[in-house]
PDB file of N, CA and C in Angstrom:
ATOM      1  N   MET A   1       0.979  -1.420  -0.150  1.00  0.00           N
ATOM      2  CA  MET A   1       0.031  -0.140   0.435  1.00  0.00           C
ATOM      3  C   MET A   1       0.396   0.661  -0.484  1.00  0.00           C
ATOM      4  N   ASN A   2       0.422   2.099  -0.551  1.00  0.00           N
ATOM      5  CA  ASN A   2       1.779   3.293  -1.224  1.00  0.00           C
ATOM      6  C   ASN A   2       0.587   4.351  -0.798  1.00  0.00           C
ATOM      7  N   THR A   3       0.630   5.605   0.125  1.00  0.00           N
ATOM      8  CA  THR A   3       0.127   6.901   0.422  1.00  0.00           C
ATOM      9  C   THR A   3       0.626   8.093  -0.407  1.00  0.00           C
ATOM     10  N   LYS A   4       0.260   8.560   0.495  1.00  0.00           N
ATOM     11  CA  LYS A   4       0.296   9.794  -0.566  1.00  0.00           C
ATOM     12  C   LYS A   4       1.887  10.515   0.066  1.00  0.00           C
ATOM     13  N   ASN A   5       2.394  10.074   0.909  1.00  0.00           N
ATOM     14  CA  ASN A   5       3.481  10.978   1.199  1.00  0.00           C
ATOM     15  C   ASN A   5       4.446   9.939   1.887  1.00  0.00           C
ATOM     16  N   VAL A   6       4.162   8.688   2.144  1.00  0.00           N
ATOM     17  CA  VAL A   6       5.041   7.406   1.909  1.00  0.00           C
ATOM     18  C   VAL A   6       4.641   5.902   0.740  1.00  0.00           C
ATOM     19  N   ILE A   7       6.034   6.000  -0.188  1.00  0.00           N
ATOM     20  CA  ILE A   7       6.258   5.392  -1.572  1.00  0.00           C
ATOM     21  C   ILE A   7       6.711   3.738  -1.190  1.00  0.00           C
ATOM     22  N   ALA A   8       6.315   2.605  -0.448  1.00  0.00           N
ATOM     23  CA  ALA A   8       6.786   1.700  -0.453  1.00  0.00           C
ATOM     24  C   ALA A   8       6.464   0.741  -1.944  1.00  0.00           C
ATOM     25  N   ALA A   9       8.345  -0.061  -2.125  1.00  0.00           N
ATOM     26  CA  ALA A   9       8.368  -0.615  -2.902  1.00  0.00           C
ATOM     27  C   ALA A   9       9.004  -1.706  -2.246  1.00  0.00           C
ATOM     28  N   LYS A  10       8.922  -3.489  -2.298  1.00  0.00           N
ATOM     29  CA  LYS A  10       9.966  -4.575  -2.456  1.00  0.00           C
ATOM     30  C   LYS A  10      10.126  -5.122  -2.532  1.00  0.00           C
ATOM     31  N   GLU A  11      11.247  -5.193  -3.159  1.00  0.00           N
ATOM     32  CA  GLU A  11      12.087  -6.774  -4.197  1.00  0.00           C
ATOM     33  C   GLU A  11      12.790  -8.372  -3.482  1.00  0.00           C
ATOM     34  N   ASP A  12      12.113  -9.507  -3.198  1.00  0.00           N
ATOM     35  CA  ASP A  12      12.533 -10.107  -2.961  1.00  0.00           C
ATOM     36  C   ASP A  12      11.964  -9.755  -1.612  1.00  0.00           C
ATOM     37  N   SER A  13      12.899  -9.959  -0.446  1.00  0.00           N
ATOM     38  CA  SER A  13      12.955  -9.975   0.883  1.00  0.00           C
ATOM     39  C   SER A  13      13.355  -8.238   1.781  1.00  0.00           C
ATOM     40  N   ILE A  14      13.395  -7.949   0.684  1.00  0.00           N
ATOM     41  CA  ILE A  14      14.003  -5.714   0.880  1.00  0.00           C
ATOM     42  C   ILE A  14      12.370  -5.390   0.790  1.00  0.00           C
ATOM     43  N   ALA A  15      12.345  -4.684   1.517  1.00  0.00           N
ATOM     44  CA  ALA A  15      10.747  -3.455   0.932  1.00  0.00           C
ATOM     45  C   ALA A  15      12.443  -1.682   1.309  1.00  0.00           C
ATOM     46  N   VAL A  16      11.703  -1.407   0.907  1.00  0.00           N
ATOM     47  CA  VAL A  16      11.908  -0.077   0.843  1.00  0.00           C
ATOM     48  C   VAL A  16      10.418   1.146   1.198  1.00  0.00           C
ATOM     49  N   LEU A  17      11.021   1.733   2.075  1.00  0.00           N
ATOM     50  CA  LEU A  17      10.078   3.427   2.385  1.00  0.00           C
ATOM     51  C   LEU A  17      10.105   4.149   1.738  1.00  0.00           C
ATOM     52  N   GLN A  18      10.153   4.900   0.975  1.00  0.00           N
ATOM     53  CA  GLN A  18      10.635   6.104   0.493  1.00  0.00           C
ATOM     54  C   GLN A  18       9.353   7.508   1.368  1.00  0.00           C
ATOM     55  N   LEU A  19      10.147   7.969   2.129  1.00  0.00           N
ATOM     56  CA  LEU A  19       9.412   9.372   2.653  1.00  0.00           C
ATOM     57  C   LEU A  19       9.274  10.339   1.625  1.00  0.00           C
ATOM     58  N   ASN A  20       8.434  10.894   1.464  1.00  0.00           N
ATOM     59  CA  ASN A  20       8.084  11.538  -0.100  1.00  0.00           C
ATOM     60  C   ASN A  20       7.017  13.364   0.567  1.00  0.00           C
ATOM     61  N   ARG A  21       7.903  13.249   1.031  1.00  0.00           N
ATOM     62  CA  ARG A  21       6.833  15.205   1.239  1.00  0.00           C
ATOM     63  C   ARG A  21       7.631  16.554   0.929  1.00  0.00           C
ATOM     64  N   ILE A  22       8.226  15.847  -0.315  1.00  0.00           N
ATOM     65  CA  ILE A  22       9.307  16.667  -0.634  1.00  0.00           C
ATOM     66  C   ILE A  22       8.886  18.128  -0.646  1.00  0.00           C
ATOM     67  N   ASP A  23       7.688  18.603  -0.179  1.00  0.00           N
ATOM     68  CA  ASP A  23       6.785  20.271  -0.758  1.00  0.00           C
ATOM     69  C   ASP A  23       7.535  20.838   1.346  1.00  0.00           C
ATOM     70  N   SER A  24       7.533  19.854   1.976  1.00  0.00           N
ATOM     71  CA  SER A  24       8.295  20.141   3.581  1.00  0.00           C
ATOM     72  C   SER A  24       9.481  19.432   3.718  1.00  0.00           C
ATOM     73  N   ALA A  25      10.593  19.072   3.077  1.00  0.00           N
ATOM     74  CA  ALA A  25      11.717  18.822   3.600  1.00  0.00           C
ATOM     75  C   ALA A  25      11.584  17.133   3.872  1.00  0.00           C
ATOM     76  N   ASN A  26      10.717  16.553   4.119  1.00  0.00           N
ATOM     77  CA  ASN A  26       9.889  15.087   4.260  1.00  0.00           C
ATOM     78  C   ASN A  26       9.982  14.832   5.775  1.00  0.00           C
ATOM     79  N   ALA A  27       9.475  16.633   6.961  1.00  0.00           N
ATOM     80  CA  ALA A  27       9.042  16.802   8.354  1.00  0.00           C
ATOM     81  C   ALA A  27       8.284  15.976   8.599  1.00  0.00           C
ATOM     82  N   LEU A  28       8.474  15.971   9.574  1.00  0.00           N
ATOM     83  CA  LEU A  28       7.452  14.910  10.729  1.00  0.00           C
ATOM     84  C   LEU A  28       6.097  15.244  10.839  1.00  0.00           C
ATOM     85  N   SER A  29       4.640  15.151   9.777  1.00  0.00           N
ATOM     86  CA  SER A  29       3.840  15.727  10.622  1.00  0.00           C
ATOM     87  C   SER A  29       3.219  14.750  11.652  1.00  0.00           C
ATOM     88  N   THR A  30       2.144  14.861  12.342  1.00  0.00           N
ATOM     89  CA  THR A  30       1.117  13.687  12.912  1.00  0.00           C
ATOM     90  C   THR A  30       0.154  12.858  11.682  1.00  0.00           C
ATOM     91  N   GLU A  31      -0.404  13.812  11.142  1.00  0.00           N
ATOM     92  CA  GLU A  31      -0.560  12.462   9.751  1.00  0.00           C
ATOM     93  C   GLU A  31       0.178  12.164   8.983  1.00  0.00           C
ATOM     94  N   PHE A  32       1.820  12.585   8.650  1.00  0.00           N
ATOM     95  CA  PHE A  32       2.474  11.822   8.242  1.00  0.00           C
ATOM     96  C   PHE A  32       3.462  10.661   9.191  1.00  0.00           C
ATOM     97  N   ARG A  33       3.464  10.504  10.610  1.00  0.00           N
ATOM     98  CA  ARG A  33       3.736   9.534  10.338  1.00  0.00           C
ATOM     99  C   ARG A  33       3.191   8.426  11.491  1.00  0.00           C
ATOM    100  N   LYS A  34       1.486   9.105  11.131  1.00  0.00           N
ATOM    101  CA  LYS A  34       0.788   8.268  10.781  1.00  0.00           C
ATOM    102  C   LYS A  34       0.773   7.011   9.798  1.00  0.00           C
ATOM    103  N   GLU A  35       0.900   7.450   8.488  1.00  0.00           N
ATOM    104  CA  GLU A  35       1.266   6.996   7.526  1.00  0.00           C
ATOM    105  C   GLU A  35       2.140   5.606   7.182  1.00  0.00           C
ATOM    106  N   ILE A  36       3.708   6.502   8.021  1.00  0.00           N
ATOM    107  CA  ILE A  36       4.700   5.796   7.983  1.00  0.00           C
ATOM    108  C   ILE A  36       4.422   4.480   9.071  1.00  0.00           C
ATOM    109  N   ILE A  37       3.850   4.659  10.147  1.00  0.00           N
ATOM    110  CA  ILE A  37       3.403   3.355  10.678  1.00  0.00           C
ATOM    111  C   ILE A  37       2.367   2.652  10.636  1.00  0.00           C
ATOM    112  N   LYS A  38       2.236   2.903   9.594  1.00  0.00           N
ATOM    113  CA  LYS A  38       0.846   1.738   8.761  1.00  0.00           C
ATOM    114  C   LYS A  38       1.474   1.229   8.297  1.00  0.00           C
ATOM    115  N   GLU A  39       2.480   1.689   7.012  1.00  0.00           N
ATOM    116  CA  GLU A  39       3.215   0.576   5.868  1.00  0.00           C
ATOM    117  C   GLU A  39       4.478   0.061   7.279  1.00  0.00           C
ATOM    118  N   LEU A  40       4.698   0.555   7.948  1.00  0.00           N
ATOM    119  CA  LEU A  40       5.311  -0.318   8.923  1.00  0.00           C
ATOM    120  C   LEU A  40       4.720  -1.474   9.479  1.00  0.00           C
ATOM    121  N   GLU A  41       3.528  -1.488   9.920  1.00  0.00           N
ATOM    122  CA  GLU A  41       2.626  -2.796  10.169  1.00  0.00           C
ATOM    123  C   GLU A  41       2.499  -3.304   9.053  1.00  0.00           C
ATOM    124  N   ILE A  42       2.100  -2.844   7.931  1.00  0.00           N
ATOM    125  CA  ILE A  42       2.137  -3.893   6.559  1.00  0.00           C
ATOM    126  C   ILE A  42       2.671  -4.912   6.976  1.00  0.00           C
ATOM    127  N   LEU A  43       4.037  -3.499   6.072  1.00  0.00           N
ATOM    128  CA  LEU A  43       5.511  -4.931   6.315  1.00  0.00           C
ATOM    129  C   LEU A  43       6.083  -5.454   6.964  1.00  0.00           C
ATOM    130  N   GLU A  44       5.342  -5.495   8.627  1.00  0.00           N
ATOM    131  CA  GLU A  44       6.263  -6.030   9.298  1.00  0.00           C
ATOM    132  C   GLU A  44       4.881  -7.628   9.743  1.00  0.00           C
ATOM    133  N   LYS A  45       4.123  -7.758   8.829  1.00  0.00           N
ATOM    134  CA  LYS A  45       2.958  -8.668   8.863  1.00  0.00           C
ATOM    135  C   LYS A  45       3.711  -9.732   7.981  1.00  0.00           C
ATOM    136  N   ASP A  46       4.281  -8.835   6.926  1.00  0.00           N
ATOM    137  CA  ASP A  46       5.159 -10.111   5.629  1.00  0.00           C
ATOM    138  C   ASP A  46       6.261 -10.920   5.734  1.00  0.00           C
ATOM    139  N   ASP A  47       5.534 -11.838   6.272  1.00  0.00           N
ATOM    140  CA  ASP A  47       6.920 -12.976   5.963  1.00  0.00           C
ATOM    141  C   ASP A  47       7.349 -12.861   5.225  1.00  0.00           C
ATOM    142  N   ALA A  48       7.567 -12.966   3.291  1.00  0.00           N
ATOM    143  CA  ALA A  48       8.286 -12.968   2.708  1.00  0.00           C
ATOM    144  C   ALA A  48       9.676 -11.664   3.025  1.00  0.00           C
ATOM    145  N   ILE A  49       8.980 -10.161   4.050  1.00  0.00           N
ATOM    146  CA  ILE A  49       9.856  -9.279   3.867  1.00  0.00           C
ATOM    147  C   ILE A  49      10.824  -9.286   5.215  1.00  0.00           C
ATOM    148  N   LYS A  50      11.958  -9.102   4.509  1.00  0.00           N
ATOM    149  CA  LYS A  50      13.592  -9.948   5.908  1.00  0.00           C
ATOM    150  C   LYS A  50      13.642  -8.330   6.558  1.00  0.00           C
ATOM    151  N   VAL A  51      13.583  -7.159   5.943  1.00  0.00           N
ATOM    152  CA  VAL A  51      14.491  -5.968   6.496  1.00  0.00           C
ATOM    153  C   VAL A  51      13.770  -4.842   5.506  1.00  0.00           C
ATOM    154  N   VAL A  52      13.584  -3.077   6.533  1.00  0.00           N
ATOM    155  CA  VAL A  52      12.731  -2.754   6.013  1.00  0.00           C
ATOM    156  C   VAL A  52      14.439  -1.485   5.787  1.00  0.00           C
ATOM    157  N   ILE A  53      14.122  -0.840   4.715  1.00  0.00           N
ATOM    158  CA  ILE A  53      15.223   0.223   4.862  1.00  0.00           C
ATOM    159  C   ILE A  53      13.998   1.615   4.237  1.00  0.00           C
ATOM    160  N   ILE A  54      14.486   2.105   5.451  1.00  0.00           N
ATOM    161  CA  ILE A  54      14.477   4.439   4.720  1.00  0.00           C
ATOM    162  C   ILE A  54      14.836   4.929   4.621  1.00  0.00           C
ATOM    163  N   THR A  55      14.298   5.467   3.560  1.00  0.00           N
ATOM    164  CA  THR A  55      14.642   6.607   2.732  1.00  0.00           C
ATOM    165  C   THR A  55      13.812   8.026   2.356  1.00  0.00           C
ATOM    166  N   GLY A  56      15.151   8.903   2.282  1.00  0.00           N
ATOM    167  CA  GLY A  56      13.925  10.424   1.838  1.00  0.00           C
ATOM    168  C   GLY A  56      13.919   9.912   0.186  1.00  0.00           C
ATOM    169  N   THR A  57      12.887  11.029  -0.054  1.00  0.00           N
ATOM    170  CA  THR A  57      12.381  11.356  -1.487  1.00  0.00           C
ATOM    171  C   THR A  57      13.518  13.271  -1.456  1.00  0.00           C
ATOM    172  N   GLY A  58      14.123  13.354  -2.342  1.00  0.00           N
ATOM    173  CA  GLY A  58      14.793  14.628  -2.593  1.00  0.00           C
ATOM    174  C   GLY A  58      15.567  14.778  -1.893  1.00  0.00           C
ATOM    175  N   LYS A  59      15.794  16.312  -1.893  1.00  0.00           N
ATOM    176  CA  LYS A  59      17.585  16.317  -1.476  1.00  0.00           C
ATOM    177  C   LYS A  59      17.418  15.730   0.126  1.00  0.00           C
ATOM    178  N   PHE A  60      16.488  15.803   1.066  1.00  0.00           N
ATOM    179  CA  PHE A  60      16.410  15.487   2.573  1.00  0.00           C
ATOM    180  C   PHE A  60      16.402  14.614   2.612  1.00  0.00           C
ATOM    181  N   PHE A  61      16.485  13.689   4.007  1.00  0.00           N
ATOM    182  CA  PHE A  61      16.017  12.726   4.595  1.00  0.00           C
ATOM    183  C   PHE A  61      14.872  12.869   4.956  1.00  0.00           C
ATOM    184  N   CYS A  62      14.901  13.294   6.509  1.00  0.00           N
ATOM    185  CA  CYS A  62      13.632  13.853   7.107  1.00  0.00           C
ATOM    186  C   CYS A  62      14.308  15.289   7.502  1.00  0.00           C
ATOM    187  N   ALA A  63      13.185  16.344   8.078  1.00  0.00           N
ATOM    188  CA  ALA A  63      13.769  18.012   8.526  1.00  0.00           C
ATOM    189  C   ALA A  63      13.498  17.059   9.910  1.00  0.00           C
ATOM    190  N   GLY A  64      13.018  16.798   9.985  1.00  0.00           N
ATOM    191  CA  GLY A  64      12.556  16.182  11.883  1.00  0.00           C
ATOM    192  C   GLY A  64      11.324  16.919  11.349  1.00  0.00           C
ATOM    193  N   PHE A  65      10.433  17.156  12.649  1.00  0.00           N
ATOM    194  CA  PHE A  65       9.016  17.532  12.875  1.00  0.00           C
ATOM    195  C   PHE A  65       8.858  18.787  12.153  1.00  0.00           C
ATOM    196  N   ASP A  66       7.424  18.766  12.295  1.00  0.00           N
ATOM    197  CA  ASP A  66       6.805  19.673  10.517  1.00  0.00           C
ATOM    198  C   ASP A  66       6.987  20.945  11.953  1.00  0.00           C
ATOM    199  N   LEU A  67       7.769  22.188  11.373  1.00  0.00           N
ATOM    200  CA  LEU A  67       7.621  23.177  12.570  1.00  0.00           C
ATOM    201  C   LEU A  67       5.844  24.091  12.236  1.00  0.00           C
ATOM    202  N   ASP A  68       5.360  23.623  10.584  1.00  0.00           N
ATOM    203  CA  ASP A  68       4.146  24.759  10.287  1.00  0.00           C
ATOM    204  C   ASP A  68       3.279  24.093  11.048  1.00  0.00           C
ATOM    205  N   GLU A  69       3.158  22.615  11.911  1.00  0.00           N
ATOM    206  CA  GLU A  69       2.039  21.949  12.749  1.00  0.00           C
ATOM    207  C   GLU A  69       2.788  22.517  13.958  1.00  0.00           C
ATOM    208  N   PHE A  70       3.459  22.657  14.627  1.00  0.00           N
ATOM    209  CA  PHE A  70       3.693  23.111  15.866  1.00  0.00           C
ATOM    210  C   PHE A  70       2.974  24.504  15.918  1.00  0.00           C
ATOM    211  N   LEU A  71       3.502  25.106  15.175  1.00  0.00           N
ATOM    212  CA  LEU A  71       3.034  26.838  15.305  1.00  0.00           C
ATOM    213  C   LEU A  71       1.616  26.862  15.312  1.00  0.00           C
ATOM    214  N   ALA A  72       0.737  25.566  14.909  1.00  0.00           N
ATOM    215  CA  ALA A  72      -0.274  25.714  14.207  1.00  0.00           C
ATOM    216  C   ALA A  72      -1.300  24.770  15.744  1.00  0.00           C
ATOM    217  N   VAL A  73      -0.554  24.546  16.231  1.00  0.00           N
ATOM    218  CA  VAL A  73      -1.167  23.692  17.281  1.00  0.00           C
ATOM    219  C   VAL A  73      -1.792  24.039  18.682  1.00  0.00           C
ATOM    220  N   ASP A  74      -3.096  23.662  19.613  1.00  0.00           N
ATOM    221  CA  ASP A  74      -3.434  23.834  19.909  1.00  0.00           C
ATOM    222  C   ASP A  74      -3.959  22.589  20.980  1.00  0.00           C
ATOM    223  N   THR A  75      -4.596  23.227  22.274  1.00  0.00           N
ATOM    224  CA  THR A  75      -5.126  22.265  22.997  1.00  0.00           C
ATOM    225  C   THR A  75      -5.952  20.901  22.516  1.00  0.00           C
ATOM    226  N   ALA A  76      -6.486  20.994  21.449  1.00  0.00           N
ATOM    227  CA  ALA A  76      -7.073  19.816  20.870  1.00  0.00           C
ATOM    228  C   ALA A  76      -5.914  18.960  20.371  1.00  0.00           C
ATOM    229  N   THR A  77      -5.228  19.125  19.659  1.00  0.00           N
ATOM    230  CA  THR A  77      -4.588  18.736  18.365  1.00  0.00           C
ATOM    231  C   THR A  77      -3.323  17.929  19.433  1.00  0.00           C
ATOM    232  N   VAL A  78      -3.122  18.229  20.397  1.00  0.00           N
ATOM    233  CA  VAL A  78      -1.718  18.120  20.975  1.00  0.00           C
ATOM    234  C   VAL A  78      -1.487  16.545  21.476  1.00  0.00           C
ATOM    235  N   PRO A  79      -2.943  16.023  22.325  1.00  0.00           N
ATOM    236  CA  PRO A  79      -2.245  14.960  22.247  1.00  0.00           C
ATOM    237  C   PRO A  79      -2.539  14.143  21.343  1.00  0.00           C
ATOM    238  N   ASP A  80      -2.784  14.218  19.634  1.00  0.00           N
ATOM    239  CA  ASP A  80      -2.622  13.190  19.012  1.00  0.00           C
ATOM    240  C   ASP A  80      -1.552  13.996  18.471  1.00  0.00           C
ATOM    241  N   LEU A  81      -1.056  14.884  18.089  1.00  0.00           N
ATOM    242  CA  LEU A  81       0.138  15.339  17.792  1.00  0.00           C
ATOM    243  C   LEU A  81       1.344  13.917  19.203  1.00  0.00           C
ATOM    244  N   ILE A  82       1.168  14.541  20.139  1.00  0.00           N
ATOM    245  CA  ILE A  82       2.564  13.749  21.112  1.00  0.00           C
ATOM    246  C   ILE A  82       2.162  12.102  21.161  1.00  0.00           C
ATOM    247  N   LYS A  83       0.920  11.719  20.419  1.00  0.00           N
ATOM    248  CA  LYS A  83       0.966  10.142  20.846  1.00  0.00           C
ATOM    249  C   LYS A  83       1.058   9.522  19.170  1.00  0.00           C
ATOM    250  N   SER A  84       1.343  10.347  18.077  1.00  0.00           N
ATOM    251  CA  SER A  84       1.683   9.901  17.216  1.00  0.00           C
ATOM    252  C   SER A  84       3.058   9.968  17.065  1.00  0.00           C
ATOM    253  N   ALA A  85       3.468  10.958  17.683  1.00  0.00           N
ATOM    254  CA  ALA A  85       5.428  10.648  17.819  1.00  0.00           C
ATOM    255  C   ALA A  85       6.022   9.695  18.575  1.00  0.00           C
ATOM    256  N   GLU A  86       5.190   9.611  19.562  1.00  0.00           N
ATOM    257  CA  GLU A  86       5.634   8.314  20.567  1.00  0.00           C
ATOM    258  C   GLU A  86       5.052   7.050  19.754  1.00  0.00           C
ATOM    259  N   ASP A  87       4.111   6.789  19.301  1.00  0.00           N
ATOM    260  CA  ASP A  87       3.776   5.522  18.437  1.00  0.00           C
ATOM    261  C   ASP A  87       5.263   5.949  17.644  1.00  0.00           C
ATOM    262  N   LEU A  88       5.417   6.283  16.197  1.00  0.00           N
ATOM    263  CA  LEU A  88       6.331   6.074  15.333  1.00  0.00           C
ATOM    264  C   LEU A  88       7.360   5.928  15.990  1.00  0.00           C
ATOM    265  N   PHE A  89       7.293   6.438  17.303  1.00  0.00           N
ATOM    266  CA  PHE A  89       9.409   6.122  17.372  1.00  0.00           C
ATOM    267  C   PHE A  89       9.286   4.549  18.371  1.00  0.00           C
ATOM    268  N   GLY A  90       8.074   4.216  19.477  1.00  0.00           N
ATOM    269  CA  GLY A  90       7.727   3.093  19.409  1.00  0.00           C
ATOM    270  C   GLY A  90       7.962   1.985  18.357  1.00  0.00           C
ATOM    271  N   LYS A  91       6.680   2.224  17.325  1.00  0.00           N
ATOM    272  CA  LYS A  91       6.926   1.081  16.755  1.00  0.00           C
ATOM    273  C   LYS A  91       8.674   0.580  16.346  1.00  0.00           C
ATOM    274  N   ILE A  92       9.120   1.621  15.395  1.00  0.00           N
ATOM    275  CA  ILE A  92      10.738   1.581  14.881  1.00  0.00           C
ATOM    276  C   ILE A  92      11.993   1.005  16.721  1.00  0.00           C
ATOM    277  N   THR A  93      11.245   1.482  16.988  1.00  0.00           N
ATOM    278  CA  THR A  93      12.435   1.123  18.524  1.00  0.00           C
ATOM    279  C   THR A  93      12.224  -0.569  18.529  1.00  0.00           C
ATOM    280  N   PHE A  94      11.031  -0.629  18.410  1.00  0.00           N
ATOM    281  CA  PHE A  94      10.493  -2.398  19.428  1.00  0.00           C
ATOM    282  C   PHE A  94       9.935  -3.336  17.674  1.00  0.00           C
ATOM    283  N   TYR A  95      10.494  -2.677  16.555  1.00  0.00           N
ATOM    284  CA  TYR A  95       9.915  -3.814  15.123  1.00  0.00           C
ATOM    285  C   TYR A  95      10.483  -4.566  15.007  1.00  0.00           C
ATOM    286  N   LYS A  96      10.351  -6.084  14.741  1.00  0.00           N
ATOM    287  CA  LYS A  96      10.134  -6.981  15.251  1.00  0.00           C
ATOM    288  C   LYS A  96      11.798  -7.560  13.804  1.00  0.00           C
ATOM    289  N   LYS A  97      11.732  -6.883  12.680  1.00  0.00           N
ATOM    290  CA  LYS A  97      12.296  -7.062  11.792  1.00  0.00           C
ATOM    291  C   LYS A  97      13.473  -5.484  11.684  1.00  0.00           C
ATOM    292  N   PRO A  98      14.585  -5.793  11.149  1.00  0.00           N
ATOM    293  CA  PRO A  98      16.120  -4.462  11.186  1.00  0.00           C
ATOM    294  C   PRO A  98      15.484  -3.471  10.235  1.00  0.00           C
ATOM    295  N   ILE A  99      15.485  -2.692  10.299  1.00  0.00           N
ATOM    296  CA  ILE A  99      15.087  -1.440   9.769  1.00  0.00           C
ATOM    297  C   ILE A  99      16.311  -0.590   9.150  1.00  0.00           C
ATOM    298  N   VAL A 100      16.753  -0.577   8.221  1.00  0.00           N
ATOM    299  CA  VAL A 100      17.837   0.389   8.305  1.00  0.00           C
ATOM    300  C   VAL A 100      18.068   1.576   7.357  1.00  0.00           C
ATOM    301  N   ALA A 101      18.317   3.081   7.842  1.00  0.00           N
ATOM    302  CA  ALA A 101      18.429   4.092   7.320  1.00  0.00           C
ATOM    303  C   ALA A 101      19.346   5.066   6.468  1.00  0.00           C
ATOM    304  N   ALA A 102      18.235   3.953   5.468  1.00  0.00           N
ATOM    305  CA  ALA A 102      19.349   4.948   4.263  1.00  0.00           C
ATOM    306  C   ALA A 102      19.662   6.293   3.241  1.00  0.00           C
ATOM    307  N   ILE A 103      20.657   7.249   4.657  1.00  0.00           N
ATOM    308  CA  ILE A 103      20.882   8.515   4.705  1.00  0.00           C
ATOM    309  C   ILE A 103      20.682   9.880   3.439  1.00  0.00           C
ATOM    310  N   ASN A 104      19.947   9.918   2.479  1.00  0.00           N
ATOM    311  CA  ASN A 104      20.087  10.634   1.028  1.00  0.00           C
ATOM    312  C   ASN A 104      20.333  11.715   1.405  1.00  0.00           C
ATOM    313  N   GLY A 105      20.836  13.016   2.723  1.00  0.00           N
ATOM    314  CA  GLY A 105      19.895  13.964   2.391  1.00  0.00           C
ATOM    315  C   GLY A 105      20.281  14.097   4.115  1.00  0.00           C
ATOM    316  N   PRO A 106      20.567  15.566   4.721  1.00  0.00           N
ATOM    317  CA  PRO A 106      20.099  16.359   5.693  1.00  0.00           C
ATOM    318  C   PRO A 106      19.227  15.152   6.943  1.00  0.00           C
ATOM    319  N   ALA A 107      18.744  14.662   8.387  1.00  0.00           N
ATOM    320  CA  ALA A 107      18.987  14.503   8.928  1.00  0.00           C
ATOM    321  C   ALA A 107      18.831  15.174   9.814  1.00  0.00           C
ATOM    322  N   LEU A 108      17.937  15.830  10.321  1.00  0.00           N
ATOM    323  CA  LEU A 108      17.859  17.100  11.351  1.00  0.00           C
ATOM    324  C   LEU A 108      16.629  16.757  13.076  1.00  0.00           C
ATOM    325  N   ALA A 109      17.091  16.992  13.666  1.00  0.00           N
ATOM    326  CA  ALA A 109      16.199  16.663  15.049  1.00  0.00           C
ATOM    327  C   ALA A 109      15.749  15.893  14.575  1.00  0.00           C
ATOM    328  N   GLY A 110      14.476  15.629  14.266  1.00  0.00           N
ATOM    329  CA  GLY A 110      13.267  14.902  14.939  1.00  0.00           C
ATOM    330  C   GLY A 110      13.567  12.994  13.432  1.00  0.00           C
ATOM    331  N   GLY A 111      14.183  13.965  12.660  1.00  0.00           N
ATOM    332  CA  GLY A 111      14.744  13.763  11.506  1.00  0.00           C
ATOM    333  C   GLY A 111      15.905  12.554  11.576  1.00  0.00           C
ATOM    334  N   MET A 112      17.012  12.797  12.585  1.00  0.00           N
ATOM    335  CA  MET A 112      18.493  12.733  12.835  1.00  0.00           C
ATOM    336  C   MET A 112      17.778  10.884  14.043  1.00  0.00           C
ATOM    337  N   ASP A 113      17.194  11.320  14.799  1.00  0.00           N
ATOM    338  CA  ASP A 113      16.047  10.117  15.973  1.00  0.00           C
ATOM    339  C   ASP A 113      16.026   9.078  14.965  1.00  0.00           C
ATOM    340  N   LEU A 114      14.817   8.962  13.819  1.00  0.00           N
ATOM    341  CA  LEU A 114      14.408   8.091  13.166  1.00  0.00           C
ATOM    342  C   LEU A 114      15.079   7.468  12.034  1.00  0.00           C
ATOM    343  N   ALA A 115      16.400   8.101  12.107  1.00  0.00           N
ATOM    344  CA  ALA A 115      17.622   7.850  11.724  1.00  0.00           C
ATOM    345  C   ALA A 115      18.091   6.642  12.491  1.00  0.00           C
ATOM    346  N   ALA A 116      18.308   7.536  13.839  1.00  0.00           N
ATOM    347  CA  ALA A 116      19.764   6.541  14.557  1.00  0.00           C
ATOM    348  C   ALA A 116      18.174   5.453  15.951  1.00  0.00           C
ATOM    349  N   ASP A 117      17.353   5.504  16.146  1.00  0.00           N
ATOM    350  CA  ASP A 117      15.933   3.967  15.708  1.00  0.00           C
ATOM    351  C   ASP A 117      16.040   3.585  15.465  1.00  0.00           C
TER     352      ASP A 117
END
């Protein structure tokens, strides 16, 4: 399954997830984090996949959290923003298959966390 912001490709036992929010340097908005989680969950259940590679599309690996979203945050959106971050980094930390970060450009702030987890 490919979402608007995440491109998933499989070849043999390898899956590649491309972060595809080029207009925002692959910044991690709440919805983008949820899309990444959804793709990771699909690949985790696929017994043919033995390793997942995460890379960026464009010049950035990931610019970190979406600062535009942080500027617009309010009391109604804070819980979802926090939960989606915890869910993404928890999913990566405890993933049942190896995840490799193929860093194709700058990995800033939360993008470096994504690469390091």
